[in-house]
Each structure stands twice: as structure tokens, then as C-alpha cells.
Amino acid sequence: MVLSTEISSISKRSHSHDHSHHQLVVGLEGSVRFSFEGEENLVSLVRGCILPSHCPHDFHGMGDNHNLIINLPVMDEDEPEFSQINRLFENSRYFLVDNNLRQFLQFIAKELERYDHDQQLQESLGMAFFRSLSQRVLGVEKVVSNIDLNKIIEYLKPRLHEKISVQDLARCVHLSPSHFHALFRQETNLSPHQFVINQRLFEAQRLLEESSLTLTEVALQTGFSSQSALNHAFKQKFNLTPGKFKRSLK
């Protein structure tokens, strides 16, 4: 196996291609716009993308940017040690970067800059990142047999600016509040309140990327009582303030 892990800038010129290897791209600074399988999004400090082999994709840099790019050859499906990583590349997708993963990325970036000719180190760091990411991505994909999360997310989307109670969510899936709360925590490892906060933050992130709204307007549209409340929750989730995130996109 020859895995390459590198830090690279992507030009503003539009590119369109696919390749015979798997690829992962995640932002370290600035942002890059990607489009694949009809879905367009920014790869930035808080989002990366997974591109299986032969997946056509369009992309271009949005100003100055630096990205961690990991290229991985297609591996033998019969190798048990690679089964989890093979599952990670079954579908193209975007993924979110949490605090711990971002700190790990920063560590990887510093090690690559310091020991840029050490191929074995590149492979080890790349594989470690894949392992950490697969735990997050594949863990989210587990089947929820008793609660329809998609139905809850669809219910939340137009109501994020409103107060949302456990009773509201339980009613959405026809369960009693107490039964819903217990099942939800059991199957997602989150309380309903934490889940709603996460959905508010993901929407705030999208608005910061795609709109010209002020931070106060973003806070109000996503159900936070003030810009200060948004700042606190956003920094806890993504380890940077909304203002810093917004500036990183320029």
C-alpha cells in the first residue's frame, strides 16, 4: 500500500476530473468549493469530503486556501484490517470536523511540515486519520430502528428559529416524551436538546458560508437568543468563533 498525505493549495481555476484512487480532502485554512453527485458544498475548517475512486467531481479554490489531501489506493476487500476504511469509501460524502478531529488535523499538518520527506510517517498519520474519521462517520450511519431521525430533521428544518421542546419532537414520531427521551439517548448517544443544538449550529454554519447575514441575524434565524449565545455554542462545537470561521472563508 502506498498512501500519500500532503498539504496543498487548490487554485481558483475550475477543475473537473476523477481518479483511480480514493481521496479525502479537508480544509486547514480558507475554503474550496466541491461538487459531486449533484451536491455542492464548501470544504473548509469544519467540513471535508470523501471521494471514492472514479467519482467525478468539480472543484475550485475560494481565495487563499490550504488543505490536507490523503490519496489512498483501492484496497483488497478481503483484507480484514482494511474493511472499515473500505466502508468509508463506499459512497462519496461530506463530513463535519469536530473539535478533537480538528486538533488531530492540526497535529498532522505540523508533523507533515516538519518531516515532509518521511513516507512512512505520511502513511501512519493518514491511516490514523482514516480510523478516527470512520468511527465518526460510520457510527452516525447505524440504523435507528425505533426513532426516525430523518423525520425529526425534516421537522426541525423550518422551525430552528423557534423554541423546540422534547414534547414537540416526541409528538413528531408518535411517542411519549419520557419514552422518546430514553430511546433517543440510547440510539444516538445525545440528548434531544443536544441534537437540536447541533442542528442549529449546522444551519448557522451553512448561513455563514452562503449568506451575507450578520452574526446577530444568523443567531436569531437559528434559534439562539443572542450573538453571544451563538458564539459560545459555535466555539464549543467547532473550536472557533463564528466570526473567525466567516473570515476563514474569504
Protein backbone atom coordinates (compact mmCIF):
# COMPACT_ATOMS: atom_id res chain seq x y z
CA MET A 1 0.00 0.00 0.00
CA VAL A 2 1.30 3.45 -0.92
CA LEU A 3 -0.74 6.13 0.80
CA SER A 4 0.14 9.80 0.29
CA THR A 5 -0.70 12.53 2.77
CA GLU A 6 0.07 16.11 1.81
CA ILE A 7 -0.82 19.74 2.43
CA SER A 8 -1.79 21.51 -0.77
CA SER A 9 -3.41 24.69 -2.07
CA ILE A 10 -6.11 24.48 -4.74
CA SER A 11 -6.23 27.15 -7.42
CA LYS A 12 -9.22 29.39 -8.17
CA ARG A 13 -9.46 27.88 -11.65
CA SER A 14 -12.28 25.34 -12.00
CA HIS A 15 -11.21 21.71 -12.32
CA SER A 16 -13.20 18.61 -13.18
CA HIS A 17 -11.84 15.06 -13.02
CA ASP A 18 -11.88 11.69 -11.31
CA HIS A 19 -9.05 9.33 -10.36
CA SER A 20 -8.36 5.64 -9.86
CA HIS A 21 -7.57 6.06 -6.15
CA HIS A 22 -9.70 7.09 -3.18
CA GLN A 23 -9.25 10.65 -1.91
CA LEU A 24 -10.08 12.64 1.20
CA VAL A 25 -9.87 16.44 1.33
CA VAL A 26 -10.32 18.57 4.44
CA GLY A 27 -9.63 22.27 4.92
CA LEU A 28 -6.88 23.69 7.11
CA GLU A 29 -7.27 27.32 6.00
CA GLY A 30 -9.67 29.06 3.63
CA SER A 31 -12.17 27.05 1.61
CA VAL A 32 -12.65 25.08 -1.62
CA ARG A 33 -15.97 24.58 -3.37
CA PHE A 34 -16.64 20.96 -4.37
CA SER A 35 -19.47 19.47 -6.36
CA PHE A 36 -20.18 15.76 -6.89
CA GLU A 37 -23.25 13.64 -7.48
CA GLY A 38 -25.43 16.75 -7.64
CA GLU A 39 -24.37 18.09 -4.24
CA GLU A 40 -22.29 21.26 -3.90
CA ASN A 41 -20.62 22.40 -0.69
CA LEU A 42 -17.58 24.14 0.79
CA VAL A 43 -14.66 22.17 2.17
CA SER A 44 -13.27 24.29 4.98
CA LEU A 45 -12.11 24.24 8.61
CA VAL A 46 -15.31 22.50 9.65
CA ARG A 47 -16.04 20.25 6.66
CA GLY A 48 -14.21 17.75 4.49
CA CYS A 49 -15.19 15.41 1.68
CA ILE A 50 -14.67 11.75 0.81
CA LEU A 51 -14.22 10.88 -2.87
CA PRO A 52 -14.20 7.19 -3.81
CA SER A 53 -12.21 6.09 -6.85
CA HIS A 54 -13.74 7.06 -10.23
CA CYS A 55 -16.10 9.60 -8.62
CA PRO A 56 -16.30 12.63 -10.97
CA HIS A 57 -16.03 15.91 -9.09
CA ASP A 58 -15.73 19.62 -9.84
CA PHE A 59 -13.79 21.95 -7.57
CA HIS A 60 -12.11 25.34 -7.29
CA GLY A 61 -10.41 27.31 -4.53
CA MET A 62 -12.12 30.27 -2.89
CA GLY A 63 -9.16 32.60 -2.40
CA ASP A 64 -6.14 31.52 -0.37
CA ASN A 65 -6.50 28.01 0.99
CA HIS A 66 -4.55 25.09 2.43
CA ASN A 67 -5.94 21.59 2.62
CA LEU A 68 -4.97 18.17 3.90
CA ILE A 69 -5.27 15.73 0.99
CA ILE A 70 -4.96 11.99 1.51
CA ASN A 71 -4.79 9.68 -1.51
CA LEU A 72 -5.39 6.01 -0.87
CA PRO A 73 -5.19 3.14 -3.37
CA VAL A 74 -8.22 0.87 -3.69
CA MET A 75 -7.55 -1.94 -1.22
CA ASP A 76 -8.34 -5.64 -1.31
CA GLU A 77 -11.82 -6.14 0.13
CA ASP A 78 -10.72 -9.46 1.61
CA GLU A 79 -8.20 -7.77 3.91
CA PRO A 80 -9.98 -7.57 7.30
CA GLU A 81 -7.75 -4.76 8.59
CA PHE A 82 -8.99 -2.51 5.77
CA SER A 83 -12.69 -3.43 5.93
CA GLN A 84 -13.71 -0.35 7.93
CA ILE A 85 -11.83 2.02 5.64
CA ASN A 86 -13.30 0.31 2.57
CA ARG A 87 -16.76 1.00 4.03
CA LEU A 88 -15.81 4.66 4.44
CA PHE A 89 -15.31 4.91 0.67
CA GLU A 90 -18.46 3.06 -0.37
CA ASN A 91 -20.12 6.43 -1.05
CA SER A 92 -18.99 9.97 -1.77
CA ARG A 93 -19.98 12.34 1.01
CA TYR A 94 -19.20 15.46 3.02
CA PHE A 95 -18.37 15.18 6.70
CA LEU A 96 -18.14 17.62 9.60
CA VAL A 97 -14.98 18.18 11.64
CA ASP A 98 -15.44 18.26 15.42
CA ASN A 99 -13.02 19.77 17.95
CA ASN A 100 -10.97 16.63 18.58
CA LEU A 101 -10.68 15.84 14.89
CA ARG A 102 -9.57 19.42 14.15
CA GLN A 103 -6.87 19.23 16.82
CA PHE A 104 -5.71 15.95 15.31
CA LEU A 105 -5.62 17.62 11.87
CA GLN A 106 -3.50 20.45 13.24
CA PHE A 107 -1.09 17.93 14.73
CA ILE A 108 -0.88 16.05 11.40
CA ALA A 109 -0.25 19.29 9.50
CA LYS A 110 2.61 20.27 11.81
CA GLU A 111 4.20 16.82 11.59
CA LEU A 112 3.99 16.82 7.79
CA GLU A 113 5.58 20.25 7.59
CA ARG A 114 8.38 19.19 9.92
CA TYR A 115 9.06 15.75 8.37
CA ASP A 116 7.86 16.26 4.81
CA HIS A 117 10.09 13.54 3.29
CA ASP A 118 9.12 10.74 5.67
CA GLN A 119 6.81 8.49 3.61
CA GLN A 120 6.24 6.04 6.46
CA LEU A 121 5.11 8.87 8.73
CA GLN A 122 2.74 10.11 6.00
CA GLU A 123 1.15 6.66 5.75
CA SER A 124 0.84 6.25 9.52
CA LEU A 125 -0.76 9.67 10.02
CA GLY A 126 -3.09 9.17 7.07
CA MET A 127 -4.26 5.78 8.30
CA ALA A 128 -4.75 7.10 11.84
CA PHE A 129 -6.93 9.90 10.49
CA PHE A 130 -8.98 7.44 8.42
CA ARG A 131 -9.54 5.32 11.52
CA SER A 132 -10.71 8.29 13.59
CA LEU A 133 -12.96 9.55 10.82
CA SER A 134 -14.50 6.14 10.10
CA GLN A 135 -15.50 5.83 13.77
CA ARG A 136 -17.40 9.11 13.47
CA VAL A 137 -18.92 8.70 10.00
CA LEU A 138 -19.84 5.04 10.18
CA GLY A 139 -21.09 5.40 13.74
CA VAL A 140 -23.60 8.02 12.56
CA GLU A 141 -24.86 5.61 9.91
CA LYS A 142 -26.08 2.95 12.31
CA VAL A 143 -29.70 2.00 11.78
CA VAL A 144 -32.09 3.60 14.20
CA SER A 145 -34.93 1.15 14.47
CA ASN A 146 -37.24 2.93 16.90
CA ILE A 147 -36.84 6.61 16.02
CA ASP A 148 -36.97 8.07 12.52
CA LEU A 149 -34.14 10.64 12.65
CA ASN A 150 -34.80 11.83 9.11
CA LYS A 151 -38.36 12.68 10.08
CA ILE A 152 -37.11 14.64 13.08
CA ILE A 153 -34.55 16.54 10.99
CA GLU A 154 -37.22 17.44 8.43
CA TYR A 155 -39.47 18.62 11.27
CA LEU A 156 -36.68 20.81 12.67
CA LYS A 157 -35.50 22.48 9.45
CA PRO A 158 -38.26 25.13 9.15
CA ARG A 159 -38.51 25.58 12.94
CA LEU A 160 -34.92 26.15 14.07
CA HIS A 161 -35.70 29.79 14.89
CA GLU A 162 -38.44 28.66 17.31
CA LYS A 163 -38.36 27.15 20.78
CA ILE A 164 -38.49 23.37 20.39
CA SER A 165 -39.36 21.06 23.27
CA VAL A 166 -38.89 17.34 23.83
CA GLN A 167 -42.67 17.09 23.70
CA ASP A 168 -42.66 18.58 20.18
CA LEU A 169 -40.09 16.04 18.96
CA ALA A 170 -41.82 13.12 20.67
CA ARG A 171 -45.13 14.09 19.11
CA CYS A 172 -43.43 14.14 15.70
CA VAL A 173 -42.64 10.41 15.96
CA HIS A 174 -45.74 9.44 17.97
CA LEU A 175 -44.02 8.59 21.26
CA SER A 176 -44.50 9.77 24.83
CA PRO A 177 -41.87 12.35 25.93
CA SER A 178 -40.31 10.04 28.53
CA HIS A 179 -40.12 7.06 26.16
CA PHE A 180 -38.79 9.27 23.36
CA HIS A 181 -36.06 10.79 25.57
CA ALA A 182 -34.82 7.38 26.74
CA LEU A 183 -34.83 5.86 23.24
CA PHE A 184 -33.21 8.90 21.67
CA ARG A 185 -30.27 8.93 24.07
CA GLN A 186 -29.87 5.17 23.79
CA GLU A 187 -29.73 5.23 19.99
CA THR A 188 -27.82 8.47 19.31
CA ASN A 189 -25.70 8.99 22.46
CA LEU A 190 -27.15 12.51 22.56
CA SER A 191 -29.97 14.08 24.48
CA PRO A 192 -32.75 15.57 22.31
CA HIS A 193 -31.60 19.03 23.46
CA GLN A 194 -28.01 18.37 22.30
CA PHE A 195 -29.29 17.09 18.97
CA VAL A 196 -31.35 20.25 18.40
CA ILE A 197 -28.37 22.46 19.31
CA ASN A 198 -26.25 20.56 16.76
CA GLN A 199 -28.86 21.11 14.05
CA ARG A 200 -28.95 24.83 14.90
CA LEU A 201 -25.16 25.01 14.63
CA PHE A 202 -25.04 23.16 11.30
CA GLU A 203 -27.60 25.61 9.92
CA ALA A 204 -25.64 28.57 11.34
CA GLN A 205 -22.54 27.24 9.63
CA ARG A 206 -24.41 26.98 6.33
CA LEU A 207 -25.72 30.54 6.62
CA LEU A 208 -22.24 31.86 7.41
CA GLU A 209 -20.93 30.16 4.27
CA GLU A 210 -23.73 31.01 1.88
CA SER A 211 -25.37 34.26 3.02
CA SER A 212 -24.43 37.84 3.85
CA LEU A 213 -26.40 37.86 7.11
CA THR A 214 -24.80 39.46 10.15
CA LEU A 215 -23.87 37.25 13.10
CA THR A 216 -26.84 38.61 15.05
CA GLU A 217 -29.20 37.73 12.19
CA VAL A 218 -27.70 34.24 11.91
CA ALA A 219 -28.16 33.76 15.66
CA LEU A 220 -31.83 34.76 15.52
CA GLN A 221 -32.58 32.64 12.44
CA THR A 222 -31.11 29.55 14.08
CA GLY A 223 -32.80 29.88 17.46
CA PHE A 224 -30.04 31.37 19.61
CA SER A 225 -31.10 34.12 21.99
CA SER A 226 -28.18 36.38 21.04
CA GLN A 227 -24.94 36.59 19.08
CA SER A 228 -23.13 35.83 22.33
CA ALA A 229 -25.08 32.58 22.78
CA LEU A 230 -24.25 31.58 19.20
CA ASN A 231 -20.57 32.42 19.74
CA HIS A 232 -20.39 30.26 22.85
CA ALA A 233 -22.12 27.22 21.31
CA PHE A 234 -20.26 27.51 17.99
CA LYS A 235 -16.87 27.67 19.70
CA GLN A 236 -17.71 24.69 21.88
CA LYS A 237 -18.69 22.64 18.83
CA PHE A 238 -16.11 23.75 16.25
CA ASN A 239 -13.32 25.25 18.41
CA LEU A 240 -13.50 28.64 16.68
CA THR A 241 -15.90 31.57 16.78
CA PRO A 242 -18.46 32.23 14.01
CA GLY A 243 -16.58 35.43 13.15
CA LYS A 244 -13.28 33.61 12.72
CA PHE A 245 -14.99 30.92 10.67
CA LYS A 246 -16.56 33.58 8.42
CA ARG A 247 -13.19 35.29 7.92
CA SER A 248 -11.53 31.97 7.07
CA LEU A 249 -13.81 31.64 4.03
CA LYS A 250 -12.53 34.83 2.37
